[in-house]
N, C-alpha and C. Protein backbone atom coordinates (compact mmCIF):
# COMPACT_ATOMS: atom_id res chain seq x y z
N UNK A 1 -68.68 -204.76 77.25
CA UNK A 1 -69.50 -203.63 77.57
C UNK A 1 -69.12 -203.16 78.97
N UNK A 2 -68.85 -201.88 79.08
CA UNK A 2 -68.43 -201.30 80.35
C UNK A 2 -69.64 -200.99 81.23
N UNK A 3 -69.48 -201.23 82.51
CA UNK A 3 -70.50 -200.84 83.48
C UNK A 3 -70.00 -199.61 84.24
N UNK A 4 -70.91 -198.76 84.65
CA UNK A 4 -70.48 -197.51 85.30
C UNK A 4 -69.91 -197.72 86.69
N UNK A 5 -69.09 -196.76 87.09
CA UNK A 5 -68.62 -196.72 88.48
C UNK A 5 -69.83 -196.57 89.39
N UNK A 6 -69.87 -197.31 90.49
CA UNK A 6 -70.95 -197.08 91.43
C UNK A 6 -70.76 -195.73 92.11
N UNK A 7 -71.69 -194.84 91.93
CA UNK A 7 -71.57 -193.51 92.49
C UNK A 7 -72.95 -192.92 92.75
N UNK A 8 -73.39 -192.93 94.00
CA UNK A 8 -74.71 -192.37 94.29
C UNK A 8 -74.84 -190.91 93.86
N UNK A 9 -73.79 -190.12 94.05
CA UNK A 9 -73.88 -188.71 93.67
C UNK A 9 -73.99 -188.54 92.16
N UNK A 10 -73.20 -189.30 91.40
CA UNK A 10 -73.30 -189.20 89.94
C UNK A 10 -74.67 -189.69 89.47
N UNK A 11 -75.22 -190.70 90.14
CA UNK A 11 -76.54 -191.19 89.78
C UNK A 11 -77.59 -190.11 90.03
N UNK A 12 -77.48 -189.42 91.16
CA UNK A 12 -78.42 -188.35 91.47
C UNK A 12 -78.35 -187.25 90.43
N UNK A 13 -77.14 -186.92 90.00
CA UNK A 13 -76.97 -185.85 89.02
C UNK A 13 -77.00 -186.36 87.57
N UNK A 14 -77.38 -187.61 87.40
CA UNK A 14 -77.56 -188.23 86.08
C UNK A 14 -76.31 -188.10 85.22
N UNK A 15 -75.17 -188.47 85.81
CA UNK A 15 -73.90 -188.32 85.13
C UNK A 15 -72.98 -189.51 85.43
N UNK A 16 -73.43 -190.72 85.12
CA UNK A 16 -72.61 -191.90 85.36
C UNK A 16 -71.55 -192.05 84.27
N UNK A 17 -70.43 -192.65 84.63
CA UNK A 17 -69.38 -192.92 83.65
C UNK A 17 -68.72 -194.25 83.99
N UNK A 18 -68.03 -194.80 83.01
CA UNK A 18 -67.37 -196.09 83.18
C UNK A 18 -65.90 -195.91 83.52
N UNK A 19 -65.34 -196.82 84.32
CA UNK A 19 -63.92 -196.73 84.65
C UNK A 19 -63.04 -196.92 83.41
N UNK A 20 -61.88 -196.32 83.45
CA UNK A 20 -60.94 -196.36 82.33
C UNK A 20 -60.37 -197.75 82.07
N UNK A 21 -60.38 -198.62 83.09
CA UNK A 21 -59.75 -199.93 82.88
C UNK A 21 -60.44 -200.75 81.79
N UNK A 22 -61.72 -200.49 81.53
CA UNK A 22 -62.40 -201.21 80.45
C UNK A 22 -61.73 -200.91 79.11
N UNK A 23 -61.40 -199.65 78.87
CA UNK A 23 -60.73 -199.28 77.63
C UNK A 23 -59.38 -199.96 77.53
N UNK A 24 -58.64 -199.98 78.62
CA UNK A 24 -57.31 -200.60 78.63
C UNK A 24 -57.39 -202.09 78.34
N UNK A 25 -58.35 -202.77 78.94
CA UNK A 25 -58.52 -204.21 78.70
C UNK A 25 -58.92 -204.46 77.25
N UNK A 26 -59.87 -203.67 76.75
CA UNK A 26 -60.32 -203.84 75.36
C UNK A 26 -59.17 -203.63 74.39
N UNK A 27 -58.36 -202.61 74.63
CA UNK A 27 -57.20 -202.37 73.75
C UNK A 27 -56.20 -203.52 73.85
N UNK A 28 -55.91 -203.97 75.05
CA UNK A 28 -54.94 -205.05 75.23
C UNK A 28 -55.40 -206.36 74.59
N UNK A 29 -56.71 -206.59 74.62
CA UNK A 29 -57.26 -207.83 74.06
C UNK A 29 -57.71 -207.68 72.61
N UNK A 30 -57.60 -206.47 72.07
CA UNK A 30 -58.00 -206.18 70.69
C UNK A 30 -59.47 -206.55 70.44
N UNK A 31 -60.32 -206.08 71.35
CA UNK A 31 -61.75 -206.31 71.22
C UNK A 31 -62.48 -204.97 71.26
N UNK A 32 -63.64 -204.88 70.63
CA UNK A 32 -64.39 -203.62 70.68
C UNK A 32 -64.94 -203.39 72.08
N UNK A 33 -65.18 -202.14 72.38
CA UNK A 33 -65.73 -201.76 73.68
C UNK A 33 -66.96 -200.89 73.47
N UNK A 34 -68.03 -201.25 74.12
CA UNK A 34 -69.21 -200.40 74.18
C UNK A 34 -69.11 -199.71 75.54
N UNK A 35 -68.64 -198.48 75.53
CA UNK A 35 -68.22 -197.83 76.77
C UNK A 35 -69.33 -197.13 77.54
N UNK A 36 -70.29 -196.54 76.86
CA UNK A 36 -71.21 -195.68 77.60
C UNK A 36 -72.67 -196.10 77.54
N UNK A 37 -72.99 -197.20 76.92
CA UNK A 37 -74.40 -197.58 76.76
C UNK A 37 -75.10 -197.75 78.10
N UNK A 38 -74.53 -198.52 78.99
CA UNK A 38 -75.18 -198.75 80.29
C UNK A 38 -75.19 -197.47 81.11
N UNK A 39 -74.09 -196.75 81.12
CA UNK A 39 -74.03 -195.49 81.87
C UNK A 39 -75.09 -194.51 81.37
N UNK A 40 -75.27 -194.43 80.07
CA UNK A 40 -76.28 -193.52 79.51
C UNK A 40 -77.68 -193.90 79.98
N UNK A 41 -77.98 -195.18 79.91
CA UNK A 41 -79.31 -195.65 80.32
C UNK A 41 -79.53 -195.41 81.81
N UNK A 42 -78.55 -195.78 82.62
CA UNK A 42 -78.73 -195.64 84.06
C UNK A 42 -78.61 -194.20 84.55
N UNK A 43 -78.18 -193.31 83.70
CA UNK A 43 -78.15 -191.89 84.06
C UNK A 43 -79.51 -191.23 83.88
N UNK A 44 -80.42 -191.92 83.22
CA UNK A 44 -81.76 -191.37 82.98
C UNK A 44 -82.76 -192.04 83.92
N UNK A 45 -83.30 -191.30 84.89
CA UNK A 45 -84.23 -191.90 85.86
C UNK A 45 -85.47 -192.52 85.22
N UNK A 46 -85.86 -192.03 84.05
CA UNK A 46 -87.03 -192.58 83.36
C UNK A 46 -86.77 -193.98 82.82
N UNK A 47 -85.50 -194.38 82.74
CA UNK A 47 -85.14 -195.67 82.15
C UNK A 47 -84.72 -196.70 83.20
N UNK A 48 -84.90 -196.35 84.48
CA UNK A 48 -84.47 -197.24 85.56
C UNK A 48 -85.65 -197.81 86.32
N UNK A 49 -85.52 -199.11 86.66
CA UNK A 49 -86.52 -199.75 87.51
C UNK A 49 -86.20 -199.55 88.97
N UNK A 50 -84.91 -199.44 89.28
CA UNK A 50 -84.43 -199.12 90.61
C UNK A 50 -83.07 -198.46 90.45
N UNK A 51 -82.37 -198.27 91.53
CA UNK A 51 -81.10 -197.53 91.46
C UNK A 51 -80.04 -198.22 90.61
N UNK A 52 -80.15 -199.52 90.43
CA UNK A 52 -79.09 -200.27 89.75
C UNK A 52 -79.48 -200.89 88.41
N UNK A 53 -80.77 -200.97 88.11
CA UNK A 53 -81.20 -201.75 86.96
C UNK A 53 -82.14 -200.97 86.05
N UNK A 54 -82.00 -201.19 84.75
CA UNK A 54 -82.93 -200.56 83.80
C UNK A 54 -84.32 -201.17 83.91
N UNK A 55 -85.32 -200.38 83.59
CA UNK A 55 -86.68 -200.91 83.46
C UNK A 55 -86.86 -201.44 82.04
N UNK A 56 -88.07 -201.80 81.65
CA UNK A 56 -88.30 -202.37 80.32
C UNK A 56 -87.88 -201.40 79.22
N UNK A 57 -88.23 -200.13 79.36
CA UNK A 57 -87.82 -199.15 78.36
C UNK A 57 -86.31 -198.97 78.35
N UNK A 58 -85.69 -199.04 79.53
CA UNK A 58 -84.24 -198.94 79.61
C UNK A 58 -83.55 -200.11 78.92
N UNK A 59 -84.10 -201.31 79.09
CA UNK A 59 -83.53 -202.47 78.40
C UNK A 59 -83.67 -202.33 76.89
N UNK A 60 -84.80 -201.80 76.46
CA UNK A 60 -85.00 -201.58 75.02
C UNK A 60 -83.97 -200.57 74.50
N UNK A 61 -83.79 -199.48 75.21
CA UNK A 61 -82.81 -198.47 74.81
C UNK A 61 -81.40 -199.05 74.81
N UNK A 62 -81.08 -199.86 75.82
CA UNK A 62 -79.76 -200.49 75.89
C UNK A 62 -79.56 -201.42 74.69
N UNK A 63 -80.57 -202.20 74.35
CA UNK A 63 -80.47 -203.09 73.19
C UNK A 63 -80.24 -202.30 71.91
N UNK A 64 -80.93 -201.17 71.77
CA UNK A 64 -80.73 -200.32 70.58
C UNK A 64 -79.30 -199.80 70.51
N UNK A 65 -78.76 -199.39 71.65
CA UNK A 65 -77.39 -198.87 71.69
C UNK A 65 -76.38 -199.97 71.33
N UNK A 66 -76.60 -201.16 71.86
CA UNK A 66 -75.70 -202.28 71.56
C UNK A 66 -75.78 -202.64 70.08
N UNK A 67 -76.99 -202.72 69.55
CA UNK A 67 -77.18 -203.03 68.13
C UNK A 67 -76.45 -202.02 67.25
N UNK A 68 -76.61 -200.76 67.60
CA UNK A 68 -75.97 -199.69 66.81
C UNK A 68 -74.45 -199.84 66.84
N UNK A 69 -73.90 -200.16 68.00
CA UNK A 69 -72.44 -200.30 68.12
C UNK A 69 -71.92 -201.52 67.37
N UNK A 70 -72.72 -202.59 67.37
CA UNK A 70 -72.26 -203.82 66.69
C UNK A 70 -72.39 -203.66 65.19
């Protein structure tokens, strides 16, 4: 699962994204990649407990996204 680039400006504008190296590693290792689940959750201020971590609702949403991908 990819984590987003640390970017205060992208966080403010609710537009986090994950670095490309996650895709490259996943392809090289032949493993699935959940690329945007964490970035999506942390891009929504309603789903964050602080600047870096999801709140309870954010964790629930993240779990739903992971379940759907698996």
